[in-house]
C-alpha cells in the first residue's frame, strides 16, 4: 500500500523519487553521510547544534517548518483536518477517501522535493531557494499536465 503513494502520474519523476527515498529512510542526510564521509559533520548547516536526520530535514528544521506553513492553512481549509507529521512523511495513508489520498500525496511529494532541493542548493552552492515560488512552479506543472489529460482539479490558494 505504501508504494502506491509514489505512483501519482501527474507528479514529476524527481518528486516521486524523493518521496520514495523518504519512505525508505534513504535520503542522504548529513547524519547518514557522516558515517561514510570522513570529516563530515552530522549537524545541520542551517540550525547550529541540531543533528540533521530525516525528521529534522523534513519537519523540525526552521526551513522545513516555514515550507510546511505554505500549505498547512490551505490543507486545513480544503480538507478540514490539520496536516500531521505522519502525513508529511508518509502521505495519505492516514487519511480516508481516495480523492483526499491522491491530493495529499501529490502535495506531500512536491513539498518534500521542494524542501530537499532547497537543502541541496544550500549545501552545494550556498543558495537559498524561494520555497514558495519553487513549490508553486511544481504545482503549476502538475496542473498543466492534469489539464492535458482532461482532469478537473480545483486549486484554492
Protein backbone atom coordinates (compact mmCIF):
# COMPACT_ATOMS: atom_id res chain seq x y z
CA UNK A 1 0.00 0.00 0.00
CA UNK A 2 2.89 2.36 0.75
CA UNK A 3 4.31 2.02 -2.78
CA UNK A 4 1.10 3.35 -4.32
CA UNK A 5 1.93 6.75 -2.84
CA UNK A 6 4.91 7.02 -5.20
CA UNK A 7 2.90 6.37 -8.37
CA UNK A 8 0.95 9.56 -8.99
CA UNK A 9 1.48 10.08 -12.74
CA UNK A 10 0.99 13.86 -12.70
CA UNK A 11 3.89 14.38 -10.30
CA UNK A 12 7.35 14.62 -11.89
CA UNK A 13 9.75 11.69 -11.56
CA UNK A 14 12.21 13.55 -9.31
CA UNK A 15 9.50 14.38 -6.74
CA UNK A 16 8.32 10.76 -6.77
CA UNK A 17 11.93 9.61 -6.32
CA UNK A 18 12.46 11.90 -3.31
CA UNK A 19 9.19 10.63 -1.79
CA UNK A 20 10.28 7.02 -2.37
CA UNK A 21 13.62 7.72 -0.65
CA UNK A 22 11.76 9.31 2.28
CA UNK A 23 9.57 6.20 2.62
CA UNK A 24 12.73 4.05 2.56
CA UNK A 25 14.52 6.40 5.00
CA UNK A 26 17.26 6.55 2.39
CA UNK A 27 17.80 10.28 1.82
CA UNK A 28 21.46 11.15 2.25
CA UNK A 29 21.20 13.41 5.26
CA UNK A 30 24.35 14.73 6.94
CA UNK A 31 23.91 12.33 9.89
CA UNK A 32 23.81 9.39 7.48
CA UNK A 33 26.68 10.63 5.30
CA UNK A 34 28.88 11.40 8.32
CA UNK A 35 29.13 7.63 8.89
CA UNK A 36 30.80 7.19 5.50
CA UNK A 37 32.49 10.51 4.67
CA UNK A 38 35.49 11.31 6.88
CA UNK A 39 35.34 14.76 8.45
CA UNK A 40 31.70 15.43 7.53
CA UNK A 41 29.67 16.92 10.34
CA UNK A 42 26.35 15.31 11.23
CA UNK A 43 24.89 18.70 12.15
CA UNK A 44 22.54 20.85 10.09
CA UNK A 45 24.22 23.80 8.39
CA UNK A 46 21.09 25.91 8.89
CA UNK A 47 20.41 25.01 12.53
CA UNK A 48 23.67 25.02 14.55
CA UNK A 49 23.82 22.19 17.05
CA UNK A 50 20.93 20.21 15.55
CA UNK A 51 21.63 16.73 14.18
CA UNK A 52 20.49 16.51 10.54
CA UNK A 53 18.46 13.32 10.29
CA UNK A 54 15.38 12.68 8.15
CA UNK A 55 12.92 14.04 10.73
CA UNK A 56 14.99 17.21 11.11
CA UNK A 57 15.31 17.75 7.36
CA UNK A 58 11.61 17.31 6.58
CA UNK A 59 9.84 18.58 9.70
CA UNK A 60 11.92 20.05 12.53
CA UNK A 61 14.33 22.35 10.67
CA UNK A 62 13.28 26.00 10.61
CA UNK A 63 13.45 25.92 6.81
CA UNK A 64 11.15 22.88 6.64
CA UNK A 65 8.68 24.39 9.11
CA UNK A 66 8.44 27.55 7.02
CA UNK A 67 7.86 25.40 3.93
CA UNK A 68 5.02 23.46 5.53
CA UNK A 69 3.43 26.75 6.65
CA UNK A 70 2.83 27.43 2.94
CA UNK A 71 0.35 24.56 2.66
CA UNK A 72 -0.87 23.98 6.24
CA UNK A 73 -3.64 26.63 6.08
CA UNK A 74 -4.66 25.53 2.58
CA UNK A 75 -4.78 21.88 3.57
CA UNK A 76 -6.80 22.60 6.72
CA UNK A 77 -9.26 24.77 4.77
CA UNK A 78 -9.74 22.31 1.89
CA UNK A 79 -9.69 19.02 3.79
CA UNK A 80 -10.98 20.13 7.18
CA UNK A 81 -8.14 18.42 9.07
CA UNK A 82 -4.67 19.52 10.10
CA UNK A 83 -1.63 18.17 8.28
CA UNK A 84 0.15 15.88 10.76
CA UNK A 85 3.83 14.95 10.94
CA UNK A 86 2.83 11.44 9.83
CA UNK A 87 1.16 12.89 6.74
CA UNK A 88 4.27 14.94 5.97
CA UNK A 89 6.33 11.72 5.93
CA UNK A 90 4.00 9.09 4.58
CA UNK A 91 1.29 10.95 2.68
CA UNK A 92 -2.33 9.91 2.64
CA UNK A 93 -2.02 6.57 4.36
CA UNK A 94 -3.51 8.21 7.44
CA UNK A 95 -6.41 9.88 5.59
CA UNK A 96 -9.52 8.08 4.38
CA UNK A 97 -11.05 8.60 0.94
CA UNK A 98 -9.47 8.22 -2.47
CA UNK A 99 -9.65 11.89 -3.52
CA UNK A 100 -8.10 13.08 -0.27
CA UNK A 101 -5.46 10.35 -0.55
CA UNK A 102 -4.45 11.38 -4.09
CA UNK A 103 -4.48 15.10 -3.36
CA UNK A 104 -2.49 14.73 -0.16
CA UNK A 105 0.15 12.55 -1.78
CA UNK A 106 0.58 14.97 -4.66
CA UNK A 107 1.11 17.88 -2.26
CA UNK A 108 3.38 15.85 0.04
CA UNK A 109 5.61 14.68 -2.80
CA UNK A 110 6.01 18.17 -4.23
CA UNK A 111 6.72 19.72 -0.82
CA UNK A 112 9.20 17.01 0.20
CA UNK A 113 11.02 17.60 -3.09
CA UNK A 114 11.00 21.38 -2.58
CA UNK A 115 12.47 21.04 0.93
CA UNK A 116 15.10 18.53 -0.20
CA UNK A 117 16.08 20.56 -3.28
CA UNK A 118 16.35 23.69 -1.15
CA UNK A 119 18.73 21.91 1.22
CA UNK A 120 20.81 20.55 -1.66
CA UNK A 121 21.14 24.01 -3.24
CA UNK A 122 22.24 25.50 0.08
CA UNK A 123 24.61 22.60 0.79
CA UNK A 124 26.22 22.55 -2.67
CA UNK A 125 26.03 26.15 -3.86
CA UNK A 126 25.25 28.28 -0.81
CA UNK A 127 21.98 29.40 -2.49
CA UNK A 128 18.72 29.56 -0.54
CA UNK A 129 15.76 28.76 -2.81
CA UNK A 130 12.47 30.61 -2.52
CA UNK A 131 10.43 27.58 -1.40
CA UNK A 132 7.06 29.19 -2.04
CA UNK A 133 8.00 30.01 -5.63
CA UNK A 134 9.59 26.58 -6.21
CA UNK A 135 6.50 24.83 -4.81
CA UNK A 136 4.08 26.92 -6.91
CA UNK A 137 6.06 26.24 -10.09
CA UNK A 138 5.98 22.49 -9.49
CA UNK A 139 2.25 22.58 -8.74
CA UNK A 140 1.61 24.61 -11.92
CA UNK A 141 3.39 21.93 -13.96
CA UNK A 142 1.15 19.29 -12.35
CA UNK A 143 -1.98 21.32 -13.05
CA UNK A 144 -0.97 21.79 -16.69
CA UNK A 145 -0.40 18.04 -17.03
CA UNK A 146 -3.80 17.40 -15.46
CA UNK A 147 -5.48 19.74 -17.95
CA UNK A 148 -3.73 17.96 -20.82
CA UNK A 149 -5.20 14.68 -19.62
CA UNK A 150 -8.65 16.23 -19.21
CA UNK A 151 -8.69 16.06 -15.41
CA UNK A 152 -10.69 18.57 -13.45
CA UNK A 153 -8.84 19.95 -10.44
CA UNK A 154 -9.93 22.82 -8.26
CA UNK A 155 -6.98 24.57 -6.62
CA UNK A 156 -7.77 27.09 -3.90
CA UNK A 157 -4.98 29.45 -2.85
